[in-house]
Amino acid sequence: MEYLSRVYNSMEATDLTEHAFNYSEKACILLNEYGLPCEPTWFLNSTLALFSLIFLYIVAIIRPKTRGNTILLLGLSDSGKTSLFLKFRLGKLRNTVTSMTVNEDTFFVHSERKAKQPIHFVDFPGFDRLRGESSYQKFLSQASAIIFMIDSVEFRSQKGSIGEFIYGLFVNPTVRKRKIPFLIACNKSELVNAVDVATIKNQIESELNQVRQTQASKPKGQGAEQTEEIFLGVEGTQFKFEQLPNKIQFVECDVVNDNLKPILAFIRKIIP
């Protein structure tokens, strides 16, 4: 593999033709010495085709895969998305109100000193009328990862809405096809009345089971607008996050009290 890497790094387009020509010329001379017919033009074309295939194979396995740098922040209103966005950008909090527009910017996280590349953060509003799938769909095709923020204190009263929101993401064709990794960040975890992360995970799984049953009982679409439906999890079993093609991680965090290391560690595994 190291040898192929050196070959790829040293090769230029003109090298391919030159190597093919030299090889075909020498091969034809050798074949003629043994009394075998050899047409230089035909042999050159065949050799060039072979060299091209080899070169393309080397490029395919050696060339570094490009990765985007977009992190999409999603969640219900007042879950801490905008506060996280500001904390990463400015290193401090500002008074925020419920976002009605997208906050979008590319920057190095304020607390990092040796980061290799900036991160493109997209803080999408959690307001009911703004968080429809069609609204954030264009960002899903760009996202390297999704951070879904949850208010651990208000979780019990919000778990139904959270389940519906997350269900829509997990059955989204773009999310499934691209296998976008998820971080479910349980904010305000240091407060006394916060729900612990294990309970949050279990209850979200229960909510997703209920949403799945509700969706399954709805009439199927008809006509030209009918689309292939994605079943969440494995049919005939209770839903578990481990059944998804996406990597799902839960962490406790607290934006106000600067407990953000689990979030940043998740990001930098995806965007070094």
Protein backbone atom coordinates (compact mmCIF):
# COMPACT_ATOMS: atom_id res chain seq x y z
CA MET A 1 0.00 0.00 0.00
CA GLU A 2 2.86 2.41 0.80
CA TYR A 3 4.43 1.64 -2.58
CA LEU A 4 1.15 2.42 -4.38
CA SER A 5 0.90 5.66 -2.45
CA ARG A 6 4.38 6.71 -3.60
CA VAL A 7 3.52 5.80 -7.19
CA TYR A 8 0.32 7.84 -7.07
CA ASN A 9 2.01 10.87 -5.53
CA SER A 10 4.82 10.88 -8.10
CA MET A 11 2.77 10.16 -11.20
CA GLU A 12 1.63 12.84 -13.63
CA ALA A 13 -0.63 12.53 -16.66
CA THR A 14 2.35 12.61 -19.06
CA ASP A 15 4.04 9.80 -17.13
CA LEU A 16 1.24 7.41 -18.00
CA THR A 17 1.63 7.87 -21.76
CA GLU A 18 5.43 7.78 -21.60
CA HIS A 19 5.53 4.56 -19.59
CA ALA A 20 2.99 2.93 -21.89
CA PHE A 21 4.91 3.93 -25.03
CA ASN A 22 8.27 2.69 -23.73
CA TYR A 23 6.77 -0.57 -22.55
CA SER A 24 4.92 -1.27 -25.82
CA GLU A 25 8.00 -0.48 -27.94
CA LYS A 26 10.24 -2.82 -25.99
CA ALA A 27 7.60 -5.53 -25.93
CA CYS A 28 7.14 -5.38 -29.72
CA ILE A 29 10.90 -5.68 -30.30
CA LEU A 30 11.03 -8.72 -28.03
CA LEU A 31 8.07 -10.38 -29.75
CA ASN A 32 9.54 -9.75 -33.22
CA GLU A 33 12.80 -11.42 -32.15
CA TYR A 34 10.82 -14.58 -31.44
CA GLY A 35 9.09 -14.36 -34.81
CA LEU A 36 5.77 -13.26 -33.41
CA PRO A 37 3.85 -10.51 -35.21
CA CYS A 38 3.35 -7.28 -33.32
CA GLU A 39 1.63 -4.11 -34.52
CA PRO A 40 3.10 -1.21 -32.51
CA THR A 41 -0.02 0.97 -32.74
CA TRP A 42 -2.37 -1.79 -31.57
CA PHE A 43 0.00 -2.86 -28.84
CA LEU A 44 0.42 0.74 -27.67
CA ASN A 45 -3.34 1.26 -27.43
CA SER A 46 -3.77 -1.98 -25.49
CA THR A 47 -0.91 -1.14 -23.17
CA LEU A 48 -2.18 2.38 -22.62
CA ALA A 49 -5.61 1.03 -21.73
CA LEU A 50 -4.04 -1.35 -19.21
CA PHE A 51 -1.93 1.40 -17.66
CA SER A 52 -5.02 3.60 -17.44
CA LEU A 53 -6.95 0.95 -15.54
CA ILE A 54 -4.07 0.43 -13.14
CA PHE A 55 -3.71 4.17 -12.61
CA LEU A 56 -7.43 4.63 -11.94
CA TYR A 57 -7.35 1.76 -9.47
CA ILE A 58 -4.45 3.37 -7.61
CA VAL A 59 -6.29 6.70 -7.50
CA ALA A 60 -9.44 5.05 -6.16
CA ILE A 61 -7.76 3.31 -3.24
CA ILE A 62 -5.05 5.84 -2.39
CA ARG A 63 -6.53 9.30 -2.87
CA PRO A 64 -7.74 10.76 0.44
CA LYS A 65 -11.52 10.92 0.79
CA THR A 66 -12.80 14.47 1.12
CA ARG A 67 -15.11 15.19 4.03
CA GLY A 68 -17.34 18.18 4.60
CA ASN A 69 -17.14 20.36 7.68
CA THR A 70 -20.81 21.14 8.33
CA ILE A 71 -22.39 20.41 11.71
CA LEU A 72 -26.17 20.78 11.80
CA LEU A 73 -27.64 21.79 15.17
CA LEU A 74 -31.24 20.64 15.64
CA GLY A 75 -33.71 20.36 18.50
CA LEU A 76 -36.80 21.96 20.01
CA SER A 77 -36.90 25.64 20.91
CA ASP A 78 -34.92 26.64 24.01
CA SER A 79 -32.95 23.39 24.05
CA GLY A 80 -29.64 25.26 23.91
CA LYS A 81 -28.74 25.19 20.20
CA THR A 82 -28.12 28.91 19.81
CA SER A 83 -26.32 29.11 23.16
CA LEU A 84 -24.00 26.31 22.01
CA PHE A 85 -23.45 28.06 18.68
CA LEU A 86 -22.47 31.31 20.46
CA LYS A 87 -20.35 29.57 23.05
CA PHE A 88 -18.32 27.83 20.38
CA ARG A 89 -17.95 31.01 18.31
CA LEU A 90 -17.44 33.66 21.00
CA GLY A 91 -16.44 31.68 24.06
CA LYS A 92 -19.24 33.27 26.06
CA LEU A 93 -23.00 33.45 26.22
CA ARG A 94 -25.32 36.24 25.23
CA ASN A 95 -28.99 36.68 26.00
CA THR A 96 -30.87 34.79 23.32
CA VAL A 97 -34.49 34.59 22.23
CA THR A 98 -36.26 31.85 20.30
CA SER A 99 -34.55 31.76 16.91
CA MET A 100 -36.73 32.49 13.89
CA THR A 101 -33.93 32.34 11.33
CA VAL A 102 -30.94 30.12 10.65
CA ASN A 103 -27.66 31.03 12.34
CA GLU A 104 -24.85 29.96 10.04
CA ASP A 105 -21.13 30.61 10.20
CA THR A 106 -17.73 28.97 9.72
CA PHE A 107 -15.16 29.38 12.49
CA PHE A 108 -12.67 27.72 14.80
CA VAL A 109 -14.17 26.77 18.15
CA HIS A 110 -13.16 29.49 20.61
CA SER A 111 -11.66 27.12 23.19
CA GLU A 112 -9.46 25.26 20.69
CA ARG A 113 -5.85 26.22 20.12
CA LYS A 114 -4.54 23.61 17.68
CA ALA A 115 -7.50 22.84 15.44
CA LYS A 116 -6.63 21.88 11.87
CA GLN A 117 -9.72 23.23 10.15
CA PRO A 118 -12.70 25.46 10.97
CA ILE A 119 -16.21 24.10 11.37
CA HIS A 120 -19.28 25.24 9.49
CA PHE A 121 -22.09 25.35 12.08
CA VAL A 122 -25.74 25.61 11.09
CA ASP A 123 -28.09 26.42 13.99
CA PHE A 124 -31.58 25.65 12.72
CA PRO A 125 -34.62 27.15 14.49
CA GLY A 126 -36.60 24.80 16.70
CA PHE A 127 -39.84 26.74 16.40
CA ASP A 128 -42.71 24.42 15.43
CA ARG A 129 -43.60 26.11 12.16
CA LEU A 130 -39.99 26.37 11.02
CA ARG A 131 -38.64 22.91 11.68
CA GLY A 132 -40.48 21.05 8.92
CA GLU A 133 -38.42 18.53 6.98
CA SER A 134 -38.50 20.60 3.78
CA SER A 135 -36.98 23.55 5.67
CA TYR A 136 -33.76 21.85 6.74
CA GLN A 137 -33.55 19.29 3.90
CA LYS A 138 -30.88 21.24 2.00
CA PHE A 139 -28.61 21.18 5.05
CA LEU A 140 -28.91 17.39 5.40
CA SER A 141 -27.12 16.93 2.09
CA GLN A 142 -24.21 19.00 3.46
CA ALA A 143 -24.08 17.79 7.05
CA SER A 144 -21.13 15.74 8.25
CA ALA A 145 -22.98 15.19 11.52
CA ILE A 146 -26.14 16.21 13.36
CA ILE A 147 -26.16 17.39 16.98
CA PHE A 148 -29.65 17.11 18.43
CA MET A 149 -29.98 19.21 21.59
CA ILE A 150 -32.37 18.20 24.39
CA ASP A 151 -33.32 20.14 27.50
CA SER A 152 -32.82 17.49 30.19
CA VAL A 153 -34.93 19.45 32.67
CA GLU A 154 -37.95 19.78 30.39
CA PHE A 155 -37.55 16.38 28.76
CA ARG A 156 -40.55 14.65 30.33
CA SER A 157 -42.97 17.29 29.05
CA GLN A 158 -41.31 17.42 25.62
CA LYS A 159 -40.53 13.78 24.90
CA GLY A 160 -43.53 13.37 22.56
CA SER A 161 -42.40 16.25 20.33
CA ILE A 162 -38.79 15.10 20.53
CA GLY A 163 -39.79 11.60 19.42
CA GLU A 164 -41.71 12.91 16.41
CA PHE A 165 -38.84 15.22 15.42
CA ILE A 166 -36.20 12.49 15.69
CA TYR A 167 -38.40 9.97 13.89
CA GLY A 168 -38.64 12.30 10.90
CA LEU A 169 -34.86 12.52 10.81
CA PHE A 170 -34.22 8.80 11.09
CA VAL A 171 -36.58 7.90 8.22
CA ASN A 172 -35.32 10.72 6.01
CA PRO A 173 -33.83 9.18 2.82
CA THR A 174 -30.85 11.56 2.81
CA VAL A 175 -30.00 10.82 6.44
CA ARG A 176 -30.28 7.08 5.81
CA LYS A 177 -28.34 7.04 2.55
CA ARG A 178 -25.49 9.20 3.84
CA LYS A 179 -25.49 7.47 7.26
CA ILE A 180 -25.09 10.82 8.96
CA PRO A 181 -23.83 10.31 12.53
CA PHE A 182 -25.92 11.72 15.38
CA LEU A 183 -24.99 13.15 18.74
CA ILE A 184 -27.95 13.51 21.08
CA ALA A 185 -26.70 16.09 23.57
CA CYS A 186 -28.62 16.20 26.86
CA ASN A 187 -28.20 19.80 27.98
CA LYS A 188 -28.50 21.14 31.56
CA SER A 189 -27.42 17.73 32.86
CA GLU A 190 -25.74 19.25 35.92
CA LEU A 191 -29.01 20.59 37.35
CA VAL A 192 -30.62 18.65 40.18
CA ASN A 193 -33.93 18.14 38.38
CA ALA A 194 -32.35 16.99 35.08
CA VAL A 195 -33.32 13.59 33.67
CA ASP A 196 -30.29 11.30 33.36
CA VAL A 197 -29.05 10.31 29.92
CA ALA A 198 -29.87 6.60 30.26
CA THR A 199 -33.51 7.39 31.03
CA ILE A 200 -33.68 9.85 28.15
CA LYS A 201 -32.36 7.23 25.72
CA ASN A 202 -34.83 4.58 26.90
CA GLN A 203 -37.81 6.91 26.78
CA ILE A 204 -36.93 8.20 23.31
CA GLU A 205 -36.81 4.59 22.10
CA SER A 206 -40.30 4.10 23.56
CA GLU A 207 -41.56 7.28 21.89
CA LEU A 208 -40.12 6.17 18.54
CA ASN A 209 -41.92 2.85 18.87
CA GLN A 210 -45.19 4.71 19.40
CA VAL A 211 -44.60 7.05 16.45
CA ARG A 212 -43.72 4.05 14.29
CA GLN A 213 -46.99 2.33 15.21
CA THR A 214 -48.94 5.49 14.47
CA GLN A 215 -47.28 5.87 11.08
CA ALA A 216 -47.89 2.20 10.23
CA SER A 217 -51.62 2.59 10.91
CA LYS A 218 -52.02 5.48 8.48
CA PRO A 219 -53.40 4.78 4.98
CA LYS A 220 -50.73 4.28 2.34
CA GLY A 221 -50.27 7.00 -0.29
CA GLN A 222 -51.77 6.46 -3.71
CA GLY A 223 -51.04 7.65 -7.23
CA ALA A 224 -47.98 9.34 -8.66
CA GLU A 225 -47.05 10.99 -5.37
CA GLN A 226 -46.65 7.68 -3.55
CA THR A 227 -43.07 7.27 -2.32
CA GLU A 228 -41.22 4.34 -0.83
CA GLU A 229 -41.61 4.40 2.94
CA ILE A 230 -38.67 3.66 5.23
CA PHE A 231 -39.39 1.39 8.16
CA LEU A 232 -37.64 2.49 11.33
CA GLY A 233 -35.62 -0.31 12.89
CA VAL A 234 -36.37 -4.01 12.42
CA GLU A 235 -39.91 -5.19 11.72
CA GLY A 236 -41.41 -7.42 14.38
CA THR A 237 -39.16 -6.11 17.17
CA GLN A 238 -39.12 -3.16 19.55
CA PHE A 239 -37.05 -0.29 18.19
CA LYS A 240 -33.49 0.11 19.49
CA PHE A 241 -30.96 2.72 18.37
CA GLU A 242 -28.51 -0.07 17.56
CA GLN A 243 -30.76 -1.09 14.65
CA LEU A 244 -30.06 2.11 12.74
CA PRO A 245 -27.43 2.38 9.97
CA ASN A 246 -26.31 5.68 11.53
CA LYS A 247 -23.95 5.94 14.48
CA ILE A 248 -25.88 7.33 17.45
CA GLN A 249 -24.21 8.68 20.57
CA PHE A 250 -25.73 10.16 23.74
CA VAL A 251 -23.83 12.55 26.00
CA GLU A 252 -24.56 14.74 28.99
CA CYS A 253 -23.56 18.38 28.66
CA ASP A 254 -24.20 21.81 30.11
CA VAL A 255 -23.72 24.83 27.88
CA VAL A 256 -24.02 27.40 30.69
CA ASN A 257 -21.48 25.63 32.91
CA ASP A 258 -19.00 24.94 30.09
CA ASN A 259 -19.41 21.18 30.09
CA LEU A 260 -18.91 20.93 26.33
CA LYS A 261 -15.95 18.57 25.98
CA PRO A 262 -18.13 15.55 25.02
CA ILE A 263 -19.67 17.56 22.17
CA LEU A 264 -16.35 18.87 20.89
CA ALA A 265 -14.79 15.40 21.09
CA PHE A 266 -17.61 14.03 18.95
CA ILE A 267 -17.15 16.80 16.38
CA ARG A 268 -13.40 16.39 16.10
CA LYS A 269 -13.67 12.66 15.49
CA ILE A 270 -15.60 13.55 12.34
CA ILE A 271 -13.87 16.81 11.40
CA PRO A 272 -10.22 16.53 12.62
